[in-house]
Amino acid sequence: MDKVRAKKHLGQHFLNDENIARKIGDTLTLEGYNRVLEIGPGMGVLTKYLLEKPIETYVIEIDTESVDYLNAHYPKLHGKIISKDFLKYNLKEVFGEEPYAIIGNFPYNISSQIVFKTLELRDQIPEFSGMFQKEVAERICEKKGSKAYGILSVLTQAFYDTEYLFTVSEQVFTPPPKVKSGVMRMRRKPDYKLPCDEKLFFNVVKTAFNQRRKTLRNSLKSFNLSDNLREDSIFDLRPEQISVEEFIVLTQKIAADGV
């Protein structure tokens, strides 16, 4: 097999620039883990640089044609190719409770879902880096006060330090996507346990941004808050005006209000 054909329904755009592939591989700090999982390796343009590093490289790939290609061209991967859907597969079957990093040139049609699953697995994932559609990478790293700041920004930054690293042109892919790409990195905070009910925190953030044009007094009505709490000045604000730390404080106030 010489090449894998890109499949539109899988959102495949194969990176063909070796320098960029190497740069993405080098975004890993290799701190706090000795295993890395690459999502959607395709024909292994990034994989080959991961295999040079002093870590164990695993790949997860839903496309059976790509799996056959990887098996044929990368003998070092034998036994470490997971032919599954990342979004549905239980990774404890491979990694148990051990930590591992995640990296990849992520399919744009599921990139946000990949981040949300990473947040669910945050106890085991100290580092995450890779390539997204540029606006998604920017959104993950965005701070309060911008239209791009939203659910993805707040939830990732609650647990990880996020950093937008560099932009990638459309022309280095086969076939070229219609948008620019961006590479970003998330490194888990040393103390990433929130000082509030984490499930409630997720609920507050998602509910607030689902009606982002409204003030919190209106968007959080479903929480049946007391009149006393609703008079707090934070409820005059819209969600994009509130920092991650302020969302944590808001969650604490809502939890105390229900006691």
C-alpha atoms as a PDB file:
ATOM      1  CA  MET A   1       0.000   0.000   0.000  1.00  0.00           C
ATOM      2  CA  ASP A   2       1.566   3.285  -1.137  1.00  0.00           C
ATOM      3  CA  LYS A   3      -0.873   5.829   0.283  1.00  0.00           C
ATOM      4  CA  VAL A   4      -4.143   6.125   2.176  1.00  0.00           C
ATOM      5  CA  ARG A   5      -6.892   8.090   0.463  1.00  0.00           C
ATOM      6  CA  ALA A   6      -8.380  10.886   2.557  1.00  0.00           C
ATOM      7  CA  LYS A   7     -11.994  10.201   3.520  1.00  0.00           C
ATOM      8  CA  LYS A   8     -14.287  13.190   3.780  1.00  0.00           C
ATOM      9  CA  HIS A   9     -16.680  11.555   6.283  1.00  0.00           C
ATOM     10  CA  LEU A  10     -13.760  11.091   8.706  1.00  0.00           C
ATOM     11  CA  GLY A  11     -12.631  14.708   8.273  1.00  0.00           C
ATOM     12  CA  GLN A  12      -9.213  13.542   7.050  1.00  0.00           C
ATOM     13  CA  HIS A  13      -6.669  16.112   5.829  1.00  0.00           C
ATOM     14  CA  PHE A  14      -3.209  14.541   5.760  1.00  0.00           C
ATOM     15  CA  LEU A  15      -0.331  16.784   6.836  1.00  0.00           C
ATOM     16  CA  ASN A  16       2.470  16.602   4.268  1.00  0.00           C
ATOM     17  CA  ASP A  17       5.030  19.007   5.776  1.00  0.00           C
ATOM     18  CA  GLU A  18       7.746  17.152   7.694  1.00  0.00           C
ATOM     19  CA  ASN A  19       9.008  20.271   9.505  1.00  0.00           C
ATOM     20  CA  ILE A  20       5.572  21.034  10.920  1.00  0.00           C
ATOM     21  CA  ALA A  21       5.125  17.394  11.937  1.00  0.00           C
ATOM     22  CA  ARG A  22       8.431  17.553  13.820  1.00  0.00           C
ATOM     23  CA  LYS A  23       7.459  20.853  15.469  1.00  0.00           C
ATOM     24  CA  ILE A  24       4.156  19.349  16.672  1.00  0.00           C
ATOM     25  CA  GLY A  25       6.010  16.346  18.094  1.00  0.00           C
ATOM     26  CA  ASP A  26       8.376  18.698  19.894  1.00  0.00           C
ATOM     27  CA  THR A  27       5.513  20.431  21.716  1.00  0.00           C
ATOM     28  CA  LEU A  28       5.523  17.531  24.197  1.00  0.00           C
ATOM     29  CA  THR A  29       7.561  18.314  27.316  1.00  0.00           C
ATOM     30  CA  LEU A  30       7.768  14.613  28.328  1.00  0.00           C
ATOM     31  CA  GLU A  31       7.229  15.596  31.968  1.00  0.00           C
ATOM     32  CA  GLY A  32       5.122  13.428  34.274  1.00  0.00           C
ATOM     33  CA  TYR A  33       4.498  10.498  31.907  1.00  0.00           C
ATOM     34  CA  ASN A  34       6.334   7.980  29.726  1.00  0.00           C
ATOM     35  CA  ARG A  35       3.524   7.074  27.333  1.00  0.00           C
ATOM     36  CA  VAL A  36       1.851   9.089  24.598  1.00  0.00           C
ATOM     37  CA  LEU A  37      -1.291   8.380  22.606  1.00  0.00           C
ATOM     38  CA  GLU A  38      -1.598   9.861  19.130  1.00  0.00           C
ATOM     39  CA  ILE A  39      -5.162  10.269  17.883  1.00  0.00           C
ATOM     40  CA  GLY A  40      -5.787   9.787  14.158  1.00  0.00           C
ATOM     41  CA  PRO A  41      -2.208   9.147  12.922  1.00  0.00           C
ATOM     42  CA  GLY A  42      -3.250   8.538   9.306  1.00  0.00           C
ATOM     43  CA  MET A  43      -0.054   7.637   7.438  1.00  0.00           C
ATOM     44  CA  GLY A  44       2.213   8.430  10.405  1.00  0.00           C
ATOM     45  CA  VAL A  45       3.749  11.776   9.422  1.00  0.00           C
ATOM     46  CA  LEU A  46       3.747  12.810  13.114  1.00  0.00           C
ATOM     47  CA  THR A  47       4.105   9.266  14.449  1.00  0.00           C
ATOM     48  CA  LYS A  48       7.628   8.822  13.069  1.00  0.00           C
ATOM     49  CA  TYR A  49       8.883  11.745  15.193  1.00  0.00           C
ATOM     50  CA  LEU A  50       7.121  10.439  18.301  1.00  0.00           C
ATOM     51  CA  LEU A  51       8.817   7.077  17.821  1.00  0.00           C
ATOM     52  CA  GLU A  52      12.206   8.826  18.057  1.00  0.00           C
ATOM     53  CA  LYS A  53      11.441  10.089  21.567  1.00  0.00           C
ATOM     54  CA  PRO A  54      12.240   8.270  24.851  1.00  0.00           C
ATOM     55  CA  ILE A  55       8.580   7.387  25.454  1.00  0.00           C
ATOM     56  CA  GLU A  56       6.227   4.586  24.494  1.00  0.00           C
ATOM     57  CA  THR A  57       4.072   5.657  21.548  1.00  0.00           C
ATOM     58  CA  TYR A  58       0.569   4.289  21.035  1.00  0.00           C
ATOM     59  CA  VAL A  59      -1.828   5.335  18.269  1.00  0.00           C
ATOM     60  CA  ILE A  60      -5.600   5.094  18.008  1.00  0.00           C
ATOM     61  CA  GLU A  61      -7.109   5.074  14.530  1.00  0.00           C
ATOM     62  CA  ILE A  62     -10.683   4.444  13.363  1.00  0.00           C
ATOM     63  CA  ASP A  63      -9.778   4.159   9.647  1.00  0.00           C
ATOM     64  CA  THR A  64      -8.920   0.538   8.835  1.00  0.00           C
ATOM     65  CA  GLU A  65      -6.999   1.550   5.697  1.00  0.00           C
ATOM     66  CA  SER A  66      -4.721   3.744   7.830  1.00  0.00           C
ATOM     67  CA  VAL A  67      -4.318   0.906  10.348  1.00  0.00           C
ATOM     68  CA  ASP A  68      -3.135  -1.408   7.544  1.00  0.00           C
ATOM     69  CA  TYR A  69      -0.710   1.264   6.332  1.00  0.00           C
ATOM     70  CA  LEU A  70       0.742   1.817   9.805  1.00  0.00           C
ATOM     71  CA  ASN A  71       1.147  -1.916  10.377  1.00  0.00           C
ATOM     72  CA  ALA A  72       2.994  -2.205   7.049  1.00  0.00           C
ATOM     73  CA  HIS A  73       5.299   0.804   7.478  1.00  0.00           C
ATOM     74  CA  TYR A  74       5.971   1.157  11.228  1.00  0.00           C
ATOM     75  CA  PRO A  75       7.132  -2.134  12.771  1.00  0.00           C
ATOM     76  CA  LYS A  76       7.880  -0.274  16.048  1.00  0.00           C
ATOM     77  CA  LEU A  77       4.121   0.228  16.449  1.00  0.00           C
ATOM     78  CA  HIS A  78       3.267  -3.475  16.406  1.00  0.00           C
ATOM     79  CA  GLY A  79       1.004  -4.186  19.379  1.00  0.00           C
ATOM     80  CA  LYS A  80       0.469  -0.463  19.969  1.00  0.00           C
ATOM     81  CA  ILE A  81      -2.068   0.348  17.272  1.00  0.00           C
ATOM     82  CA  ILE A  82      -5.567   0.646  18.717  1.00  0.00           C
ATOM     83  CA  SER A  83      -8.079   0.198  15.904  1.00  0.00           C
ATOM     84  CA  LYS A  84     -10.952   1.940  17.698  1.00  0.00           C
ATOM     85  CA  ASP A  85     -12.947   5.160  17.932  1.00  0.00           C
ATOM     86  CA  PHE A  86     -11.229   7.385  20.529  1.00  0.00           C
ATOM     87  CA  LEU A  87     -14.542   8.916  21.582  1.00  0.00           C
ATOM     88  CA  LYS A  88     -16.083   5.527  22.417  1.00  0.00           C
ATOM     89  CA  TYR A  89     -13.154   3.400  23.547  1.00  0.00           C
ATOM     90  CA  ASN A  90     -12.275   2.769  27.203  1.00  0.00           C
ATOM     91  CA  LEU A  91      -8.557   3.615  27.290  1.00  0.00           C
ATOM     92  CA  LYS A  92      -8.106   1.951  30.687  1.00  0.00           C
ATOM     93  CA  GLU A  93      -7.988  -1.305  28.695  1.00  0.00           C
ATOM     94  CA  VAL A  94      -4.593  -0.149  27.390  1.00  0.00           C
ATOM     95  CA  PHE A  95      -3.217   2.226  30.032  1.00  0.00           C
ATOM     96  CA  GLY A  96      -4.879   1.022  33.233  1.00  0.00           C
ATOM     97  CA  GLU A  97      -4.444   3.866  35.730  1.00  0.00           C
ATOM     98  CA  GLU A  98      -1.090   5.025  34.299  1.00  0.00           C
ATOM     99  CA  PRO A  99      -0.637   8.605  33.014  1.00  0.00           C
ATOM    100  CA  TYR A 100      -0.233   9.333  29.302  1.00  0.00           C
ATOM    101  CA  ALA A 101      -0.113  12.385  27.066  1.00  0.00           C
ATOM    102  CA  ILE A 102      -2.375  12.949  24.063  1.00  0.00           C
ATOM    103  CA  ILE A 103      -1.222  14.416  20.759  1.00  0.00           C
ATOM    104  CA  GLY A 104      -2.513  14.547  17.214  1.00  0.00           C
ATOM    105  CA  ASN A 105      -3.547  16.356  14.071  1.00  0.00           C
ATOM    106  CA  PHE A 106      -7.163  16.142  15.149  1.00  0.00           C
ATOM    107  CA  PRO A 107     -10.073  15.685  12.709  1.00  0.00           C
ATOM    108  CA  TYR A 108     -11.821  19.061  12.803  1.00  0.00           C
ATOM    109  CA  ASN A 109     -15.308  17.562  12.896  1.00  0.00           C
ATOM    110  CA  ILE A 110     -14.694  15.943  16.308  1.00  0.00           C
ATOM    111  CA  SER A 111     -11.920  18.120  17.784  1.00  0.00           C
ATOM    112  CA  SER A 112     -14.069  19.731  20.492  1.00  0.00           C
ATOM    113  CA  GLN A 113     -15.390  16.300  21.510  1.00  0.00           C
ATOM    114  CA  ILE A 114     -11.792  15.085  21.832  1.00  0.00           C
ATOM    115  CA  VAL A 115     -11.078  17.931  24.264  1.00  0.00           C
ATOM    116  CA  PHE A 116     -14.214  17.201  26.312  1.00  0.00           C
ATOM    117  CA  LYS A 117     -13.236  13.521  26.589  1.00  0.00           C
ATOM    118  CA  THR A 118      -9.721  14.585  27.652  1.00  0.00           C
ATOM    119  CA  LEU A 119     -11.287  16.655  30.436  1.00  0.00           C
ATOM    120  CA  GLU A 120     -13.188  13.563  31.600  1.00  0.00           C
ATOM    121  CA  LEU A 121      -9.851  11.681  31.678  1.00  0.00           C
ATOM    122  CA  ARG A 122      -7.886  14.575  33.239  1.00  0.00           C
ATOM    123  CA  ASP A 123      -6.668  12.496  36.195  1.00  0.00           C
ATOM    124  CA  GLN A 124      -4.546  10.489  33.739  1.00  0.00           C
ATOM    125  CA  ILE A 125      -3.638  13.134  31.147  1.00  0.00           C
ATOM    126  CA  PRO A 126      -0.986  15.594  32.368  1.00  0.00           C
ATOM    127  CA  GLU A 127      -0.371  16.979  28.889  1.00  0.00           C
ATOM    128  CA  PHE A 128      -2.281  17.401  25.634  1.00  0.00           C
ATOM    129  CA  SER A 129      -1.120  19.046  22.426  1.00  0.00           C
ATOM    130  CA  GLY A 130      -1.972  19.082  18.779  1.00  0.00           C
ATOM    131  CA  MET A 131      -3.499  20.739  15.773  1.00  0.00           C
ATOM    132  CA  PHE A 132      -7.050  22.041  15.475  1.00  0.00           C
ATOM    133  CA  GLN A 133      -8.968  24.351  13.212  1.00  0.00           C
ATOM    134  CA  LYS A 134      -7.352  27.706  14.103  1.00  0.00           C
ATOM    135  CA  GLU A 135     -10.460  29.242  15.670  1.00  0.00           C
ATOM    136  CA  VAL A 136     -10.966  26.207  17.938  1.00  0.00           C
ATOM    137  CA  ALA A 137      -7.343  26.309  19.125  1.00  0.00           C
ATOM    138  CA  GLU A 138      -7.743  30.031  19.800  1.00  0.00           C
ATOM    139  CA  ARG A 139     -11.027  29.478  21.651  1.00  0.00           C
ATOM    140  CA  ILE A 140      -9.424  26.942  23.997  1.00  0.00           C
ATOM    141  CA  CYS A 141      -6.735  29.500  24.911  1.00  0.00           C
ATOM    142  CA  GLU A 142      -8.952  32.613  24.943  1.00  0.00           C
ATOM    143  CA  LYS A 143      -9.378  34.771  28.057  1.00  0.00           C
ATOM    144  CA  LYS A 144     -12.531  36.497  29.297  1.00  0.00           C
ATOM    145  CA  GLY A 145     -13.925  39.517  27.466  1.00  0.00           C
ATOM    146  CA  SER A 146     -13.901  38.080  23.949  1.00  0.00           C
ATOM    147  CA  LYS A 147     -16.643  36.606  21.780  1.00  0.00           C
ATOM    148  CA  ALA A 148     -14.465  33.535  21.286  1.00  0.00           C
ATOM    149  CA  TYR A 149     -14.327  32.886  25.056  1.00  0.00           C
ATOM    150  CA  GLY A 150     -16.830  30.177  25.906  1.00  0.00           C
ATOM    151  CA  ILE A 151     -17.529  26.772  27.433  1.00  0.00           C
ATOM    152  CA  LEU A 152     -14.398  25.193  25.952  1.00  0.00           C
ATOM    153  CA  SER A 153     -12.210  28.064  27.215  1.00  0.00           C
ATOM    154  CA  VAL A 154     -13.476  27.950  30.804  1.00  0.00           C
ATOM    155  CA  LEU A 155     -13.575  24.186  31.262  1.00  0.00           C
ATOM    156  CA  THR A 156     -10.100  23.552  29.825  1.00  0.00           C
ATOM    157  CA  GLN A 157      -8.495  26.461  31.683  1.00  0.00           C
ATOM    158  CA  ALA A 158     -10.014  25.342  34.985  1.00  0.00           C
ATOM    159  CA  PHE A 159      -7.766  22.266  34.912  1.00  0.00           C
ATOM    160  CA  TYR A 160      -5.004  23.060  32.391  1.00  0.00           C
ATOM    161  CA  ASP A 161      -2.673  25.904  31.477  1.00  0.00           C
ATOM    162  CA  THR A 162      -3.376  26.485  27.788  1.00  0.00           C
ATOM    163  CA  GLU A 163      -1.027  27.973  25.202  1.00  0.00           C
ATOM    164  CA  TYR A 164      -1.538  28.807  21.517  1.00  0.00           C
ATOM    165  CA  LEU A 165       1.757  27.891  19.842  1.00  0.00           C
ATOM    166  CA  PHE A 166       1.666  28.534  16.081  1.00  0.00           C
ATOM    167  CA  THR A 167      -0.531  28.796  12.990  1.00  0.00           C
ATOM    168  CA  VAL A 168      -0.403  26.346  10.059  1.00  0.00           C
ATOM    169  CA  SER A 169      -1.311  27.181   6.440  1.00  0.00           C
ATOM    170  CA  GLU A 170      -3.986  25.305   4.477  1.00  0.00           C
ATOM    171  CA  GLN A 171      -1.406  24.450   1.798  1.00  0.00           C
ATOM    172  CA  VAL A 172       0.493  21.823   3.822  1.00  0.00           C
ATOM    173  CA  PHE A 173      -2.376  19.322   3.779  1.00  0.00           C
ATOM    174  CA  THR A 174      -3.728  16.806   1.290  1.00  0.00           C
ATOM    175  CA  PRO A 175      -6.458  17.705   0.517  1.00  0.00           C
ATOM    176  CA  PRO A 176      -6.149  21.317   1.775  1.00  0.00           C
ATOM    177  CA  PRO A 177      -8.845  22.301   4.296  1.00  0.00           C
ATOM    178  CA  LYS A 178     -10.777  25.532   3.763  1.00  0.00           C
ATOM    179  CA  VAL A 179      -9.434  27.093   6.974  1.00  0.00           C
ATOM    180  CA  LYS A 180      -6.116  27.702   8.696  1.00  0.00           C
ATOM    181  CA  SER A 181      -5.003  25.427  11.511  1.00  0.00           C
ATOM    182  CA  GLY A 182      -3.548  26.195  14.913  1.00  0.00           C
ATOM    183  CA  VAL A 183      -1.351  24.154  17.236  1.00  0.00           C
ATOM    184  CA  MET A 184      -1.932  24.497  20.973  1.00  0.00           C
ATOM    185  CA  ARG A 185      -0.809  22.785  24.164  1.00  0.00           C
ATOM    186  CA  MET A 186      -2.531  22.137  27.483  1.00  0.00           C
ATOM    187  CA  ARG A 187      -0.464  21.287  30.576  1.00  0.00           C
ATOM    188  CA  ARG A 188      -2.369  20.146  33.639  1.00  0.00           C
ATOM    189  CA  LYS A 189      -2.120  22.471  36.610  1.00  0.00           C
ATOM    190  CA  PRO A 190      -0.125  21.137  39.595  1.00  0.00           C
ATOM    191  CA  ASP A 191      -3.226  21.537  41.763  1.00  0.00           C
ATOM    192  CA  TYR A 192      -6.035  20.823  39.311  1.00  0.00           C
ATOM    193  CA  LYS A 193      -8.711  19.776  41.803  1.00  0.00           C
ATOM    194  CA  LEU A 194     -11.282  22.570  41.978  1.00  0.00           C
ATOM    195  CA  PRO A 195     -12.292  24.055  45.373  1.00  0.00           C
ATOM    196  CA  CYS A 196     -15.939  23.544  44.459  1.00  0.00           C
ATOM    197  CA  ASP A 197     -18.327  20.823  43.305  1.00  0.00           C
ATOM    198  CA  GLU A 198     -16.844  19.969  39.893  1.00  0.00           C
ATOM    199  CA  LYS A 199     -20.063  18.524  38.474  1.00  0.00           C
ATOM    200  CA  LEU A 200     -21.952  21.672  39.492  1.00  0.00           C
ATOM    201  CA  PHE A 201     -19.139  23.806  38.014  1.00  0.00           C
ATOM    202  CA  PHE A 202     -19.543  22.112  34.607  1.00  0.00           C
ATOM    203  CA  ASN A 203     -23.319  22.602  34.821  1.00  0.00           C
ATOM    204  CA  VAL A 204     -23.065  26.300  35.739  1.00  0.00           C
ATOM    205  CA  VAL A 205     -20.583  27.062  32.936  1.00  0.00           C
ATOM    206  CA  LYS A 206     -22.562  25.208  30.257  1.00  0.00           C
ATOM    207  CA  THR A 207     -25.896  26.692  31.345  1.00  0.00           C
ATOM    208  CA  ALA A 208     -24.481  30.237  31.428  1.00  0.00           C
ATOM    209  CA  PHE A 209     -22.943  30.054  27.952  1.00  0.00           C
ATOM    210  CA  ASN A 210     -25.948  28.332  26.400  1.00  0.00           C
ATOM    211  CA  GLN A 211     -27.615  31.745  26.692  1.00  0.00           C
ATOM    212  CA  ARG A 212     -24.471  33.823  26.431  1.00  0.00           C
ATOM    213  CA  ARG A 213     -26.208  37.080  25.491  1.00  0.00           C
ATOM    214  CA  LYS A 214     -28.178  37.110  28.721  1.00  0.00           C
ATOM    215  CA  THR A 215     -26.953  38.153  32.153  1.00  0.00           C
ATOM    216  CA  LEU A 216     -26.392  35.359  34.644  1.00  0.00           C
ATOM    217  CA  ARG A 217     -29.515  36.477  36.509  1.00  0.00           C
ATOM    218  CA  ASN A 218     -31.548  35.303  33.496  1.00  0.00           C
ATOM    219  CA  SER A 219     -29.436  32.455  32.120  1.00  0.00           C
ATOM    220  CA  LEU A 220     -29.158  30.685  35.506  1.00  0.00           C
ATOM    221  CA  LYS A 221     -32.860  30.866  36.397  1.00  0.00           C
ATOM    222  CA  SER A 222     -33.138  27.076  36.270  1.00  0.00           C
ATOM    223  CA  PHE A 223     -30.986  26.854  39.434  1.00  0.00           C
ATOM    224  CA  ASN A 224     -33.840  28.409  41.478  1.00  0.00           C
ATOM    225  CA  LEU A 225     -31.501  30.776  43.296  1.00  0.00           C
ATOM    226  CA  SER A 226     -32.609  32.730  46.337  1.00  0.00           C
ATOM    227  CA  ASP A 227     -33.499  36.409  45.898  1.00  0.00           C
ATOM    228  CA  ASN A 228     -30.651  37.242  48.241  1.00  0.00           C
ATOM    229  CA  LEU A 229     -28.052  35.550  46.025  1.00  0.00           C
ATOM    230  CA  ARG A 230     -29.542  36.948  42.832  1.00  0.00           C
ATOM    231  CA  GLU A 231     -28.803  40.446  44.158  1.00  0.00           C
ATOM    232  CA  ASP A 232     -25.057  39.705  44.044  1.00  0.00           C
ATOM    233  CA  SER A 233     -23.438  42.015  41.454  1.00  0.00           C
ATOM    234  CA  ILE A 234     -21.892  39.042  39.577  1.00  0.00           C
ATOM    235  CA  PHE A 235     -25.384  38.242  38.278  1.00  0.00           C
ATOM    236  CA  ASP A 236     -25.383  41.557  36.364  1.00  0.00           C
ATOM    237  CA  LEU A 237     -22.665  40.151  34.100  1.00  0.00           C
ATOM    238  CA  ARG A 238     -22.778  38.010  30.977  1.00  0.00           C
ATOM    239  CA  PRO A 239     -20.711  34.779  30.944  1.00  0.00           C
ATOM    240  CA  GLU A 240     -17.941  36.086  28.671  1.00  0.00           C
ATOM    241  CA  GLN A 241     -17.216  38.778  31.288  1.00  0.00           C
ATOM    242  CA  ILE A 242     -16.405  36.207  33.974  1.00  0.00           C
ATOM    243  CA  SER A 243     -12.997  34.583  34.493  1.00  0.00           C
ATOM    244  CA  VAL A 244     -12.403  30.932  35.317  1.00  0.00           C
ATOM    245  CA  GLU A 245     -11.662  31.863  38.942  1.00  0.00           C
ATOM    246  CA  GLU A 246     -14.895  33.868  39.154  1.00  0.00           C
ATOM    247  CA  PHE A 247     -16.876  30.911  37.772  1.00  0.00           C
ATOM    248  CA  ILE A 248     -15.398  28.798  40.591  1.00  0.00           C
ATOM    249  CA  VAL A 249     -16.488  31.397  43.178  1.00  0.00           C
ATOM    250  CA  LEU A 250     -19.928  31.575  41.532  1.00  0.00           C
ATOM    251  CA  THR A 251     -20.252  27.781  41.807  1.00  0.00           C
ATOM    252  CA  GLN A 252     -19.329  27.947  45.497  1.00  0.00           C
ATOM    253  CA  LYS A 253     -22.028  30.590  46.081  1.00  0.00           C
ATOM    254  CA  ILE A 254     -24.663  28.571  44.231  1.00  0.00           C
ATOM    255  CA  ALA A 255     -23.759  25.431  46.218  1.00  0.00           C
ATOM    256  CA  ALA A 256     -23.995  27.354  49.513  1.00  0.00           C
ATOM    257  CA  ASP A 257     -27.303  28.889  48.432  1.00  0.00           C
ATOM    258  CA  GLY A 258     -28.854  25.430  48.173  1.00  0.00           C
ATOM    259  CA  VAL A 259     -27.778  24.329  51.654  1.00  0.00           C
END
